[in-house]
Amino acid sequence: MKLIHAPASPFVRKVRVTLIACNMADRVELVPVATTALATAPAARAANPLGKIPALIRDDGPALHDSGVICRYLDTLAGAGLFDPTDWAAMTLESLADGIMEAGVLMVYETRLRPPEAQFAPWVEAQWGKITGALDDIEANWMGYLDGPLTGAQIAVGCALGYLDFRHGARNWRAGRGGLDDWFAAFSQRDAMLATQPA
């Protein structure tokens, strides 16, 4: 199998952490691409008509895309039990984390892909408002789901927080969120997180 990826993508990192957690990293070849929303890499478009990454090219079927789909596929192959299809709470927490990643990526797109005269600061701040709202909700209501054996929801939250550090560190997401800060300090030291740090 081949994973079409760019190391800076938090959605790619979610898949790569899952690969390691499932002991499947040696079964998937990493195929790096340089791609953006305005200039899609041919390999990304060939694997996913939307041109988005990650995409997993399989040997025995069509390519899979969307990090959640890919992670569940890998988890099923490995029998790792990271994603419980009946745990609605865990799926909701994963969705919150994915929303944080999406809003964070959109903030980057606004400043990197638009010329300065076309950038809209209130829109950027609206994305940050979505992020802080989700972080506050996790801090207030979801910390119990971050304890215990490793789950796909934990991986998603860890990758979301890592992306905030990577691209939006100056905004200090940790302020007022001591529980989430403490959890991430420990989670970020996992071997799979250290091995997939964006650069």
N, C-alpha and C. Protein backbone atom coordinates (compact mmCIF):
# COMPACT_ATOMS: atom_id res chain seq x y z
N MET A 1 0.84 -1.19 0.00
CA MET A 1 0.00 0.00 0.00
C MET A 1 0.88 1.25 0.00
N LYS A 2 0.29 2.34 -0.48
CA LYS A 2 1.02 3.60 -0.54
C LYS A 2 0.15 4.70 0.06
N LEU A 3 0.78 5.56 0.86
CA LEU A 3 0.08 6.70 1.46
C LEU A 3 0.55 7.98 0.79
N ILE A 4 -0.36 8.64 0.07
CA ILE A 4 -0.06 9.94 -0.52
C ILE A 4 -0.16 10.95 0.61
N HIS A 5 0.93 11.66 0.87
CA HIS A 5 0.95 12.47 2.07
C HIS A 5 1.86 13.68 1.95
N ALA A 6 1.67 14.62 2.86
CA ALA A 6 2.59 15.72 3.11
C ALA A 6 2.77 15.78 4.62
N PRO A 7 3.99 15.76 5.11
CA PRO A 7 4.22 15.62 6.55
C PRO A 7 3.60 16.70 7.42
N ALA A 8 3.39 17.89 6.87
CA ALA A 8 2.86 18.98 7.69
C ALA A 8 1.36 18.87 7.94
N SER A 9 0.67 18.04 7.18
CA SER A 9 -0.78 17.92 7.33
C SER A 9 -1.15 17.21 8.62
N PRO A 10 -2.03 17.81 9.44
CA PRO A 10 -2.44 17.11 10.66
C PRO A 10 -3.27 15.88 10.37
N PHE A 11 -3.99 15.87 9.25
CA PHE A 11 -4.79 14.70 8.89
C PHE A 11 -3.88 13.55 8.46
N VAL A 12 -2.79 13.87 7.78
CA VAL A 12 -1.79 12.86 7.45
C VAL A 12 -1.16 12.32 8.72
N ARG A 13 -0.85 13.21 9.64
CA ARG A 13 -0.23 12.75 10.89
C ARG A 13 -1.15 11.79 11.63
N LYS A 14 -2.43 12.08 11.63
CA LYS A 14 -3.40 11.18 12.27
C LYS A 14 -3.30 9.77 11.69
N VAL A 15 -3.16 9.66 10.39
CA VAL A 15 -3.02 8.35 9.76
C VAL A 15 -1.68 7.72 10.11
N ARG A 16 -0.64 8.51 10.09
CA ARG A 16 0.69 7.96 10.38
C ARG A 16 0.81 7.48 11.82
N VAL A 17 0.22 8.22 12.75
CA VAL A 17 0.22 7.76 14.15
C VAL A 17 -0.57 6.46 14.27
N THR A 18 -1.69 6.38 13.57
CA THR A 18 -2.49 5.16 13.59
C THR A 18 -1.72 3.99 12.99
N LEU A 19 -1.00 4.24 11.91
CA LEU A 19 -0.16 3.19 11.31
C LEU A 19 0.82 2.62 12.33
N ILE A 20 1.47 3.50 13.05
CA ILE A 20 2.45 3.05 14.04
C ILE A 20 1.76 2.32 15.18
N ALA A 21 0.64 2.87 15.64
CA ALA A 21 -0.09 2.24 16.74
C ALA A 21 -0.60 0.86 16.35
N CYS A 22 -0.88 0.66 15.07
CA CYS A 22 -1.35 -0.64 14.57
C CYS A 22 -0.21 -1.55 14.14
N ASN A 23 1.03 -1.11 14.36
CA ASN A 23 2.20 -1.90 13.94
C ASN A 23 2.17 -2.23 12.45
N MET A 24 1.77 -1.23 11.65
CA MET A 24 1.65 -1.44 10.21
C MET A 24 2.52 -0.48 9.40
N ALA A 25 3.38 0.27 10.05
CA ALA A 25 4.16 1.27 9.33
C ALA A 25 5.01 0.65 8.23
N ASP A 26 5.47 -0.58 8.43
CA ASP A 26 6.33 -1.22 7.43
C ASP A 26 5.53 -1.79 6.26
N ARG A 27 4.21 -1.71 6.32
CA ARG A 27 3.38 -2.23 5.23
C ARG A 27 2.90 -1.14 4.28
N VAL A 28 3.23 0.10 4.58
CA VAL A 28 2.74 1.22 3.77
C VAL A 28 3.91 2.10 3.36
N GLU A 29 4.05 2.30 2.07
CA GLU A 29 5.08 3.20 1.53
C GLU A 29 4.57 4.63 1.58
N LEU A 30 5.38 5.54 2.12
CA LEU A 30 5.00 6.94 2.19
C LEU A 30 5.42 7.63 0.89
N VAL A 31 4.45 8.23 0.21
CA VAL A 31 4.71 8.93 -1.04
C VAL A 31 4.45 10.41 -0.81
N PRO A 32 5.51 11.20 -0.63
CA PRO A 32 5.31 12.62 -0.34
C PRO A 32 4.92 13.41 -1.58
N VAL A 33 4.06 14.41 -1.38
CA VAL A 33 3.66 15.30 -2.45
C VAL A 33 3.69 16.74 -1.93
N ALA A 34 3.95 17.66 -2.83
CA ALA A 34 3.82 19.09 -2.53
C ALA A 34 2.51 19.53 -3.17
N THR A 35 1.54 19.82 -2.34
CA THR A 35 0.20 20.12 -2.86
C THR A 35 -0.45 21.21 -2.04
N THR A 36 -1.29 22.01 -2.67
CA THR A 36 -2.09 23.02 -1.98
C THR A 36 -3.48 23.02 -2.57
N ALA A 37 -4.36 23.79 -1.95
CA ALA A 37 -5.72 23.89 -2.46
C ALA A 37 -5.77 24.56 -3.83
N LEU A 38 -4.73 25.30 -4.18
CA LEU A 38 -4.69 25.99 -5.47
C LEU A 38 -3.84 25.28 -6.51
N ALA A 39 -2.97 24.41 -6.06
CA ALA A 39 -2.08 23.68 -6.97
C ALA A 39 -1.99 22.23 -6.51
N THR A 40 -2.95 21.44 -6.95
CA THR A 40 -3.04 20.05 -6.51
C THR A 40 -1.99 19.20 -7.19
N ALA A 41 -1.28 18.43 -6.39
CA ALA A 41 -0.29 17.51 -6.94
C ALA A 41 -0.99 16.43 -7.75
N PRO A 42 -0.45 16.08 -8.93
CA PRO A 42 -1.09 15.04 -9.75
C PRO A 42 -1.31 13.73 -9.01
N ALA A 43 -0.36 13.33 -8.17
CA ALA A 43 -0.52 12.07 -7.44
C ALA A 43 -1.68 12.14 -6.46
N ALA A 44 -1.89 13.31 -5.86
CA ALA A 44 -3.02 13.48 -4.94
C ALA A 44 -4.33 13.41 -5.69
N ARG A 45 -4.42 14.06 -6.84
CA ARG A 45 -5.66 14.03 -7.62
C ARG A 45 -5.94 12.64 -8.20
N ALA A 46 -4.89 11.94 -8.56
CA ALA A 46 -5.08 10.59 -9.10
C ALA A 46 -5.64 9.64 -8.04
N ALA A 47 -5.24 9.85 -6.79
CA ALA A 47 -5.71 8.98 -5.71
C ALA A 47 -7.04 9.42 -5.14
N ASN A 48 -7.33 10.71 -5.24
CA ASN A 48 -8.57 11.27 -4.68
C ASN A 48 -9.05 12.36 -5.63
N PRO A 49 -10.20 12.21 -6.27
CA PRO A 49 -10.65 13.23 -7.22
C PRO A 49 -10.83 14.61 -6.60
N LEU A 50 -10.95 14.67 -5.26
CA LEU A 50 -11.01 15.97 -4.58
C LEU A 50 -9.62 16.61 -4.45
N GLY A 51 -8.58 15.81 -4.69
CA GLY A 51 -7.23 16.32 -4.60
C GLY A 51 -6.72 16.48 -3.19
N LYS A 52 -7.43 15.95 -2.22
CA LYS A 52 -7.04 16.12 -0.82
C LYS A 52 -6.17 14.96 -0.36
N ILE A 53 -5.36 15.25 0.66
CA ILE A 53 -4.55 14.23 1.30
C ILE A 53 -4.99 14.12 2.75
N PRO A 54 -4.77 12.93 3.35
CA PRO A 54 -4.10 11.75 2.83
C PRO A 54 -5.01 10.91 1.93
N ALA A 55 -4.37 10.07 1.15
CA ALA A 55 -5.07 9.06 0.35
C ALA A 55 -4.25 7.78 0.43
N LEU A 56 -4.94 6.68 0.61
CA LEU A 56 -4.27 5.38 0.73
C LEU A 56 -4.55 4.55 -0.52
N ILE A 57 -3.49 4.27 -1.27
CA ILE A 57 -3.60 3.44 -2.47
C ILE A 57 -3.42 1.99 -2.04
N ARG A 58 -4.47 1.21 -2.29
CA ARG A 58 -4.44 -0.20 -1.88
C ARG A 58 -4.04 -1.09 -3.05
N ASP A 59 -3.61 -2.29 -2.73
CA ASP A 59 -3.24 -3.26 -3.75
C ASP A 59 -4.46 -4.00 -4.29
N ASP A 60 -5.56 -3.99 -3.53
CA ASP A 60 -6.69 -4.85 -3.87
C ASP A 60 -8.02 -4.10 -3.93
N GLY A 61 -7.98 -2.82 -4.26
CA GLY A 61 -9.23 -2.08 -4.33
C GLY A 61 -8.95 -0.62 -4.61
N PRO A 62 -10.02 0.17 -4.74
CA PRO A 62 -9.83 1.59 -5.02
C PRO A 62 -9.14 2.29 -3.85
N ALA A 63 -8.53 3.42 -4.15
CA ALA A 63 -7.87 4.20 -3.11
C ALA A 63 -8.89 4.70 -2.09
N LEU A 64 -8.46 4.78 -0.86
CA LEU A 64 -9.29 5.31 0.21
C LEU A 64 -8.83 6.71 0.56
N HIS A 65 -9.79 7.59 0.88
CA HIS A 65 -9.41 8.92 1.32
C HIS A 65 -10.31 9.36 2.46
N ASP A 66 -9.90 10.44 3.09
CA ASP A 66 -10.42 10.96 4.36
C ASP A 66 -9.70 10.20 5.47
N SER A 67 -9.08 10.96 6.37
CA SER A 67 -8.26 10.33 7.40
C SER A 67 -9.06 9.37 8.27
N GLY A 68 -10.32 9.71 8.57
CA GLY A 68 -11.13 8.83 9.38
C GLY A 68 -11.37 7.48 8.73
N VAL A 69 -11.64 7.50 7.43
CA VAL A 69 -11.86 6.25 6.69
C VAL A 69 -10.57 5.43 6.67
N ILE A 70 -9.47 6.08 6.36
CA ILE A 70 -8.19 5.36 6.28
C ILE A 70 -7.82 4.76 7.64
N CYS A 71 -7.97 5.54 8.70
CA CYS A 71 -7.62 5.04 10.03
C CYS A 71 -8.46 3.83 10.41
N ARG A 72 -9.74 3.88 10.10
CA ARG A 72 -10.60 2.74 10.43
C ARG A 72 -10.25 1.51 9.59
N TYR A 73 -9.87 1.73 8.36
CA TYR A 73 -9.45 0.61 7.52
C TYR A 73 -8.20 -0.05 8.09
N LEU A 74 -7.22 0.76 8.45
CA LEU A 74 -5.98 0.23 9.01
C LEU A 74 -6.24 -0.49 10.33
N ASP A 75 -7.08 0.11 11.16
CA ASP A 75 -7.43 -0.48 12.44
C ASP A 75 -8.10 -1.83 12.26
N THR A 76 -8.97 -1.92 11.26
CA THR A 76 -9.65 -3.19 10.97
C THR A 76 -8.67 -4.25 10.49
N LEU A 77 -7.75 -3.86 9.59
CA LEU A 77 -6.75 -4.81 9.11
C LEU A 77 -5.90 -5.35 10.25
N ALA A 78 -5.54 -4.45 11.16
CA ALA A 78 -4.65 -4.84 12.26
C ALA A 78 -5.39 -5.49 13.42
N GLY A 79 -6.70 -5.29 13.49
CA GLY A 79 -7.45 -5.78 14.65
C GLY A 79 -7.02 -5.10 15.93
N ALA A 80 -6.67 -3.80 15.84
CA ALA A 80 -6.12 -3.09 16.99
C ALA A 80 -7.18 -2.57 17.95
N GLY A 81 -8.40 -2.38 17.48
CA GLY A 81 -9.47 -1.93 18.35
C GLY A 81 -9.38 -0.48 18.78
N LEU A 82 -8.76 0.36 17.96
CA LEU A 82 -8.64 1.79 18.29
C LEU A 82 -9.95 2.54 18.04
N PHE A 83 -10.77 2.04 17.14
CA PHE A 83 -12.01 2.72 16.74
C PHE A 83 -13.19 1.79 16.98
N ASP A 84 -14.01 2.13 17.95
CA ASP A 84 -15.20 1.35 18.27
C ASP A 84 -16.38 1.92 17.49
N PRO A 85 -16.95 1.18 16.55
CA PRO A 85 -18.03 1.72 15.71
C PRO A 85 -19.32 1.98 16.46
N THR A 86 -19.39 1.60 17.73
CA THR A 86 -20.60 1.87 18.52
C THR A 86 -20.38 2.92 19.59
N ASP A 87 -19.18 3.47 19.68
CA ASP A 87 -18.87 4.47 20.72
C ASP A 87 -19.11 5.86 20.15
N TRP A 88 -20.32 6.33 20.29
CA TRP A 88 -20.70 7.62 19.70
C TRP A 88 -19.96 8.77 20.35
N ALA A 89 -19.68 8.66 21.64
CA ALA A 89 -18.95 9.73 22.32
C ALA A 89 -17.54 9.86 21.75
N ALA A 90 -16.87 8.74 21.58
CA ALA A 90 -15.51 8.78 21.02
C ALA A 90 -15.53 9.35 19.60
N MET A 91 -16.54 8.98 18.82
CA MET A 91 -16.64 9.52 17.46
C MET A 91 -16.88 11.02 17.48
N THR A 92 -17.66 11.49 18.45
CA THR A 92 -17.91 12.92 18.56
C THR A 92 -16.64 13.66 18.95
N LEU A 93 -15.86 13.10 19.88
CA LEU A 93 -14.60 13.72 20.26
C LEU A 93 -13.64 13.75 19.08
N GLU A 94 -13.59 12.69 18.31
CA GLU A 94 -12.76 12.68 17.11
C GLU A 94 -13.22 13.76 16.13
N SER A 95 -14.52 13.92 15.99
CA SER A 95 -15.06 14.95 15.10
C SER A 95 -14.66 16.35 15.56
N LEU A 96 -14.69 16.58 16.87
CA LEU A 96 -14.23 17.87 17.39
C LEU A 96 -12.77 18.11 17.02
N ALA A 97 -11.95 17.08 17.20
CA ALA A 97 -10.53 17.21 16.88
C ALA A 97 -10.32 17.48 15.39
N ASP A 98 -11.07 16.76 14.55
CA ASP A 98 -10.97 16.98 13.11
C ASP A 98 -11.39 18.41 12.75
N GLY A 99 -12.41 18.93 13.44
CA GLY A 99 -12.83 20.31 13.20
C GLY A 99 -11.77 21.31 13.59
N ILE A 100 -11.05 21.04 14.67
CA ILE A 100 -9.94 21.91 15.07
C ILE A 100 -8.87 21.91 13.97
N MET A 101 -8.55 20.72 13.46
CA MET A 101 -7.55 20.63 12.40
C MET A 101 -7.99 21.38 11.15
N GLU A 102 -9.25 21.19 10.77
CA GLU A 102 -9.75 21.84 9.57
C GLU A 102 -9.71 23.36 9.69
N ALA A 103 -10.16 23.89 10.82
CA ALA A 103 -10.14 25.34 11.02
C ALA A 103 -8.71 25.86 11.04
N GLY A 104 -7.81 25.11 11.66
CA GLY A 104 -6.40 25.53 11.69
C GLY A 104 -5.78 25.56 10.31
N VAL A 105 -6.10 24.57 9.49
CA VAL A 105 -5.59 24.55 8.12
C VAL A 105 -6.17 25.71 7.32
N LEU A 106 -7.44 26.01 7.48
CA LEU A 106 -8.06 27.12 6.76
C LEU A 106 -7.41 28.45 7.13
N MET A 107 -7.02 28.61 8.38
CA MET A 107 -6.31 29.83 8.79
C MET A 107 -4.99 29.95 8.04
N VAL A 108 -4.29 28.84 7.89
CA VAL A 108 -3.02 28.86 7.16
C VAL A 108 -3.26 29.19 5.70
N TYR A 109 -4.28 28.59 5.10
CA TYR A 109 -4.58 28.87 3.70
C TYR A 109 -4.85 30.36 3.47
N GLU A 110 -5.56 30.98 4.39
CA GLU A 110 -5.92 32.39 4.22
C GLU A 110 -4.68 33.27 4.11
N THR A 111 -3.66 32.98 4.90
CA THR A 111 -2.47 33.83 4.90
C THR A 111 -1.42 33.39 3.89
N ARG A 112 -1.44 32.12 3.50
CA ARG A 112 -0.42 31.63 2.57
C ARG A 112 -0.86 31.64 1.12
N LEU A 113 -2.15 31.44 0.88
CA LEU A 113 -2.61 31.29 -0.49
C LEU A 113 -3.28 32.54 -1.05
N ARG A 114 -3.73 33.43 -0.20
CA ARG A 114 -4.36 34.66 -0.68
C ARG A 114 -3.35 35.81 -0.66
N PRO A 115 -3.39 36.68 -1.64
CA PRO A 115 -2.53 37.86 -1.59
C PRO A 115 -2.98 38.74 -0.42
N PRO A 116 -2.08 39.54 0.14
CA PRO A 116 -2.42 40.35 1.32
C PRO A 116 -3.68 41.16 1.17
N GLU A 117 -3.91 41.74 0.01
CA GLU A 117 -5.09 42.60 -0.17
C GLU A 117 -6.40 41.81 -0.17
N ALA A 118 -6.31 40.50 -0.33
CA ALA A 118 -7.52 39.67 -0.36
C ALA A 118 -7.77 38.94 0.96
N GLN A 119 -6.85 39.05 1.89
CA GLN A 119 -7.02 38.36 3.16
C GLN A 119 -8.06 39.07 4.02
N PHE A 120 -8.82 38.28 4.78
CA PHE A 120 -9.92 38.82 5.57
C PHE A 120 -9.73 38.41 7.03
N ALA A 121 -9.17 39.32 7.81
CA ALA A 121 -8.82 39.01 9.20
C ALA A 121 -10.01 38.53 10.03
N PRO A 122 -11.21 39.11 9.88
CA PRO A 122 -12.33 38.60 10.68
C PRO A 122 -12.65 37.13 10.39
N TRP A 123 -12.42 36.69 9.16
CA TRP A 123 -12.67 35.29 8.83
C TRP A 123 -11.65 34.40 9.54
N VAL A 124 -10.39 34.84 9.57
CA VAL A 124 -9.35 34.09 10.29
C VAL A 124 -9.72 33.98 11.77
N GLU A 125 -10.15 35.09 12.35
CA GLU A 125 -10.51 35.07 13.76
C GLU A 125 -11.74 34.20 14.02
N ALA A 126 -12.64 34.15 13.05
CA ALA A 126 -13.80 33.26 13.20
C ALA A 126 -13.37 31.81 13.25
N GLN A 127 -12.36 31.44 12.46
CA GLN A 127 -11.83 30.08 12.51
C GLN A 127 -11.20 29.81 13.87
N TRP A 128 -10.47 30.79 14.36
CA TRP A 128 -9.85 30.61 15.67
C TRP A 128 -10.92 30.49 16.76
N GLY A 129 -12.02 31.20 16.59
CA GLY A 129 -13.12 31.08 17.54
C GLY A 129 -13.70 29.67 17.56
N LYS A 130 -13.77 29.03 16.40
CA LYS A 130 -14.23 27.64 16.36
C LYS A 130 -13.25 26.74 17.12
N ILE A 131 -11.97 26.98 16.92
CA ILE A 131 -10.94 26.19 17.60
C ILE A 131 -11.04 26.35 19.10
N THR A 132 -11.11 27.59 19.58
CA THR A 132 -11.14 27.80 21.03
C THR A 132 -12.43 27.26 21.64
N GLY A 133 -13.53 27.36 20.91
CA GLY A 133 -14.77 26.78 21.41
C GLY A 133 -14.67 25.27 21.57
N ALA A 134 -14.06 24.62 20.60
CA ALA A 134 -13.88 23.17 20.68
C ALA A 134 -12.92 22.79 21.81
N LEU A 135 -11.84 23.55 21.96
CA LEU A 135 -10.88 23.28 23.03
C LEU A 135 -11.54 23.44 24.40
N ASP A 136 -12.33 24.49 24.55
CA ASP A 136 -13.02 24.70 25.83
C ASP A 136 -13.98 23.55 26.12
N ASP A 137 -14.65 23.06 25.09
CA ASP A 137 -15.58 21.96 25.27
C ASP A 137 -14.85 20.69 25.68
N ILE A 138 -13.72 20.43 25.05
CA ILE A 138 -12.93 19.25 25.42
C ILE A 138 -12.45 19.37 26.86
N GLU A 139 -11.95 20.53 27.22
CA GLU A 139 -11.45 20.75 28.59
C GLU A 139 -12.57 20.56 29.61
N ALA A 140 -13.76 21.03 29.29
CA ALA A 140 -14.87 20.98 30.25
C ALA A 140 -15.58 19.63 30.30
N ASN A 141 -15.66 18.95 29.16
CA ASN A 141 -16.57 17.80 29.08
C ASN A 141 -15.96 16.48 28.62
N TRP A 142 -14.74 16.51 28.09
CA TRP A 142 -14.25 15.31 27.42
C TRP A 142 -12.95 14.75 27.98
N MET A 143 -12.42 15.33 29.04
CA MET A 143 -11.11 14.88 29.51
C MET A 143 -11.12 13.41 29.92
N GLY A 144 -12.24 12.93 30.43
CA GLY A 144 -12.31 11.53 30.83
C GLY A 144 -12.12 10.58 29.67
N TYR A 145 -12.47 11.02 28.48
CA TYR A 145 -12.31 10.18 27.29
C TYR A 145 -10.87 10.15 26.79
N LEU A 146 -10.04 11.01 27.35
CA LEU A 146 -8.64 11.03 26.94
C LEU A 146 -7.77 10.14 27.83
N ASP A 147 -8.39 9.57 28.87
CA ASP A 147 -7.68 8.64 29.74
C ASP A 147 -7.85 7.21 29.24
N GLY A 148 -7.07 6.31 29.79
CA GLY A 148 -7.23 4.90 29.49
C GLY A 148 -6.46 4.45 28.27
N PRO A 149 -6.75 3.25 27.78
CA PRO A 149 -6.03 2.71 26.62
C PRO A 149 -6.18 3.60 25.39
N LEU A 150 -5.20 3.52 24.52
CA LEU A 150 -5.16 4.37 23.33
C LEU A 150 -6.38 4.15 22.46
N THR A 151 -6.96 5.25 21.97
CA THR A 151 -8.09 5.21 21.05
C THR A 151 -7.84 6.14 19.87
N GLY A 152 -8.65 5.97 18.83
CA GLY A 152 -8.56 6.86 17.68
C GLY A 152 -8.90 8.29 18.05
N ALA A 153 -9.81 8.48 18.99
CA ALA A 153 -10.16 9.84 19.43
C ALA A 153 -8.96 10.51 20.07
N GLN A 154 -8.23 9.79 20.89
CA GLN A 154 -7.03 10.37 21.50
C GLN A 154 -6.01 10.76 20.43
N ILE A 155 -5.83 9.90 19.44
CA ILE A 155 -4.89 10.21 18.36
C ILE A 155 -5.31 11.49 17.65
N ALA A 156 -6.60 11.63 17.36
CA ALA A 156 -7.08 12.82 16.66
C ALA A 156 -6.85 14.08 17.49
N VAL A 157 -7.16 14.02 18.78
CA VAL A 157 -6.94 15.18 19.64
C VAL A 157 -5.46 15.51 19.72
N GLY A 158 -4.63 14.50 19.87
CA GLY A 158 -3.18 14.75 19.94
C GLY A 158 -2.65 15.40 18.68
N CYS A 159 -3.12 14.95 17.51
CA CYS A 159 -2.65 15.54 16.25
C CYS A 159 -3.19 16.95 16.07
N ALA A 160 -4.41 17.20 16.55
CA ALA A 160 -4.97 18.55 16.46
C ALA A 160 -4.16 19.52 17.31
N LEU A 161 -3.85 19.14 18.53
CA LEU A 161 -3.07 20.03 19.41
C LEU A 161 -1.65 20.22 18.88
N GLY A 162 -1.09 19.14 18.34
CA GLY A 162 0.24 19.27 17.74
C GLY A 162 0.25 20.26 16.59
N TYR A 163 -0.82 20.25 15.80
CA TYR A 163 -0.89 21.19 14.67
C TYR A 163 -1.02 22.63 15.16
N LEU A 164 -1.77 22.83 16.24
CA LEU A 164 -1.87 24.19 16.79
C LEU A 164 -0.50 24.67 17.24
N ASP A 165 0.28 23.82 17.86
CA ASP A 165 1.65 24.19 18.24
C ASP A 165 2.49 24.51 17.01
N PHE A 166 2.34 23.69 15.98
CA PHE A 166 3.17 23.81 14.78
C PHE A 166 2.86 25.08 13.99
N ARG A 167 1.60 25.37 13.78
CA ARG A 167 1.22 26.49 12.91
C ARG A 167 0.70 27.72 13.65
N HIS A 168 0.20 27.55 14.87
CA HIS A 168 -0.45 28.66 15.57
C HIS A 168 0.03 28.78 17.01
N GLY A 169 1.30 28.45 17.23
CA GLY A 169 1.84 28.44 18.58
C GLY A 169 1.75 29.77 19.30
N ALA A 170 1.85 30.87 18.57
CA ALA A 170 1.82 32.19 19.20
C ALA A 170 0.46 32.49 19.83
N ARG A 171 -0.56 31.77 19.44
CA ARG A 171 -1.90 32.03 19.99
C ARG A 171 -2.12 31.35 21.35
N ASN A 172 -1.22 30.49 21.74
CA ASN A 172 -1.22 29.91 23.09
C ASN A 172 -2.55 29.24 23.45
N TRP A 173 -2.84 28.14 22.80
CA TRP A 173 -4.08 27.42 23.08
C TRP A 173 -4.13 26.89 24.51
N ARG A 174 -2.98 26.78 25.16
CA ARG A 174 -2.93 26.20 26.51
C ARG A 174 -3.52 27.09 27.59
N ALA A 175 -3.60 28.38 27.35
CA ALA A 175 -4.04 29.31 28.39
C ALA A 175 -5.43 28.96 28.90
N GLY A 176 -5.55 28.74 30.20
CA GLY A 176 -6.83 28.41 30.80
C GLY A 176 -7.28 26.98 30.58
N ARG A 177 -6.41 26.15 30.03
CA ARG A 177 -6.78 24.76 29.75
C ARG A 177 -5.71 23.81 30.30
N GLY A 178 -5.55 23.88 31.62
CA GLY A 178 -4.48 23.12 32.27
C GLY A 178 -4.62 21.62 32.11
N GLY A 179 -5.84 21.13 32.13
CA GLY A 179 -6.04 19.69 31.98
C GLY A 179 -5.61 19.20 30.62
N LEU A 180 -5.99 19.91 29.60
CA LEU A 180 -5.64 19.54 28.23
C LEU A 180 -4.14 19.71 28.01
N ASP A 181 -3.57 20.75 28.59
CA ASP A 181 -2.12 20.98 28.50
C ASP A 181 -1.36 19.82 29.12
N ASP A 182 -1.77 19.41 30.32
CA ASP A 182 -1.08 18.30 30.99
C ASP A 182 -1.22 17.01 30.20
N TRP A 183 -2.43 16.76 29.69
CA TRP A 183 -2.63 15.53 28.92
C TRP A 183 -1.73 15.51 27.69
N PHE A 184 -1.69 16.64 26.97
CA PHE A 184 -0.90 16.66 25.74
C PHE A 184 0.59 16.57 26.02
N ALA A 185 1.03 17.13 27.13
CA ALA A 185 2.45 17.04 27.48
C ALA A 185 2.88 15.59 27.57
N ALA A 186 2.02 14.74 28.12
CA ALA A 186 2.34 13.32 28.21
C ALA A 186 2.11 12.61 26.88
N PHE A 187 0.98 12.90 26.22
CA PHE A 187 0.64 12.19 24.99
C PHE A 187 1.65 12.48 23.88
N SER A 188 2.15 13.69 23.83
CA SER A 188 3.08 14.08 22.77
C SER A 188 4.42 13.36 22.87
N GLN A 189 4.67 12.70 24.00
CA GLN A 189 5.92 11.97 24.16
C GLN A 189 5.82 10.51 23.72
N ARG A 190 4.65 10.10 23.28
CA ARG A 190 4.52 8.74 22.74
C ARG A 190 5.44 8.58 21.52
N ASP A 191 5.94 7.38 21.34
CA ASP A 191 6.86 7.13 20.23
C ASP A 191 6.24 7.52 18.88
N ALA A 192 4.95 7.19 18.69
CA ALA A 192 4.31 7.50 17.41
C ALA A 192 4.18 8.99 17.17
N MET A 193 3.98 9.76 18.24
CA MET A 193 3.88 11.22 18.09
C MET A 193 5.27 11.81 17.82
N LEU A 194 6.27 11.32 18.51
CA LEU A 194 7.63 11.83 18.29
C LEU A 194 8.11 11.50 16.88
N ALA A 195 7.74 10.35 16.37
CA ALA A 195 8.19 9.92 15.05
C ALA A 195 7.50 10.66 13.91
N THR A 196 6.39 11.34 14.20
CA THR A 196 5.61 11.97 13.13
C THR A 196 5.53 13.48 13.29
N GLN A 197 6.40 14.07 14.07
CA GLN A 197 6.36 15.51 14.25
C GLN A 197 6.55 16.23 12.93
N PRO A 198 5.71 17.21 12.63
CA PRO A 198 5.90 17.95 11.38
C PRO A 198 7.12 18.85 11.45
N ALA A 199 7.70 19.10 10.29
CA ALA A 199 8.90 19.95 10.25
C ALA A 199 8.74 21.00 9.16
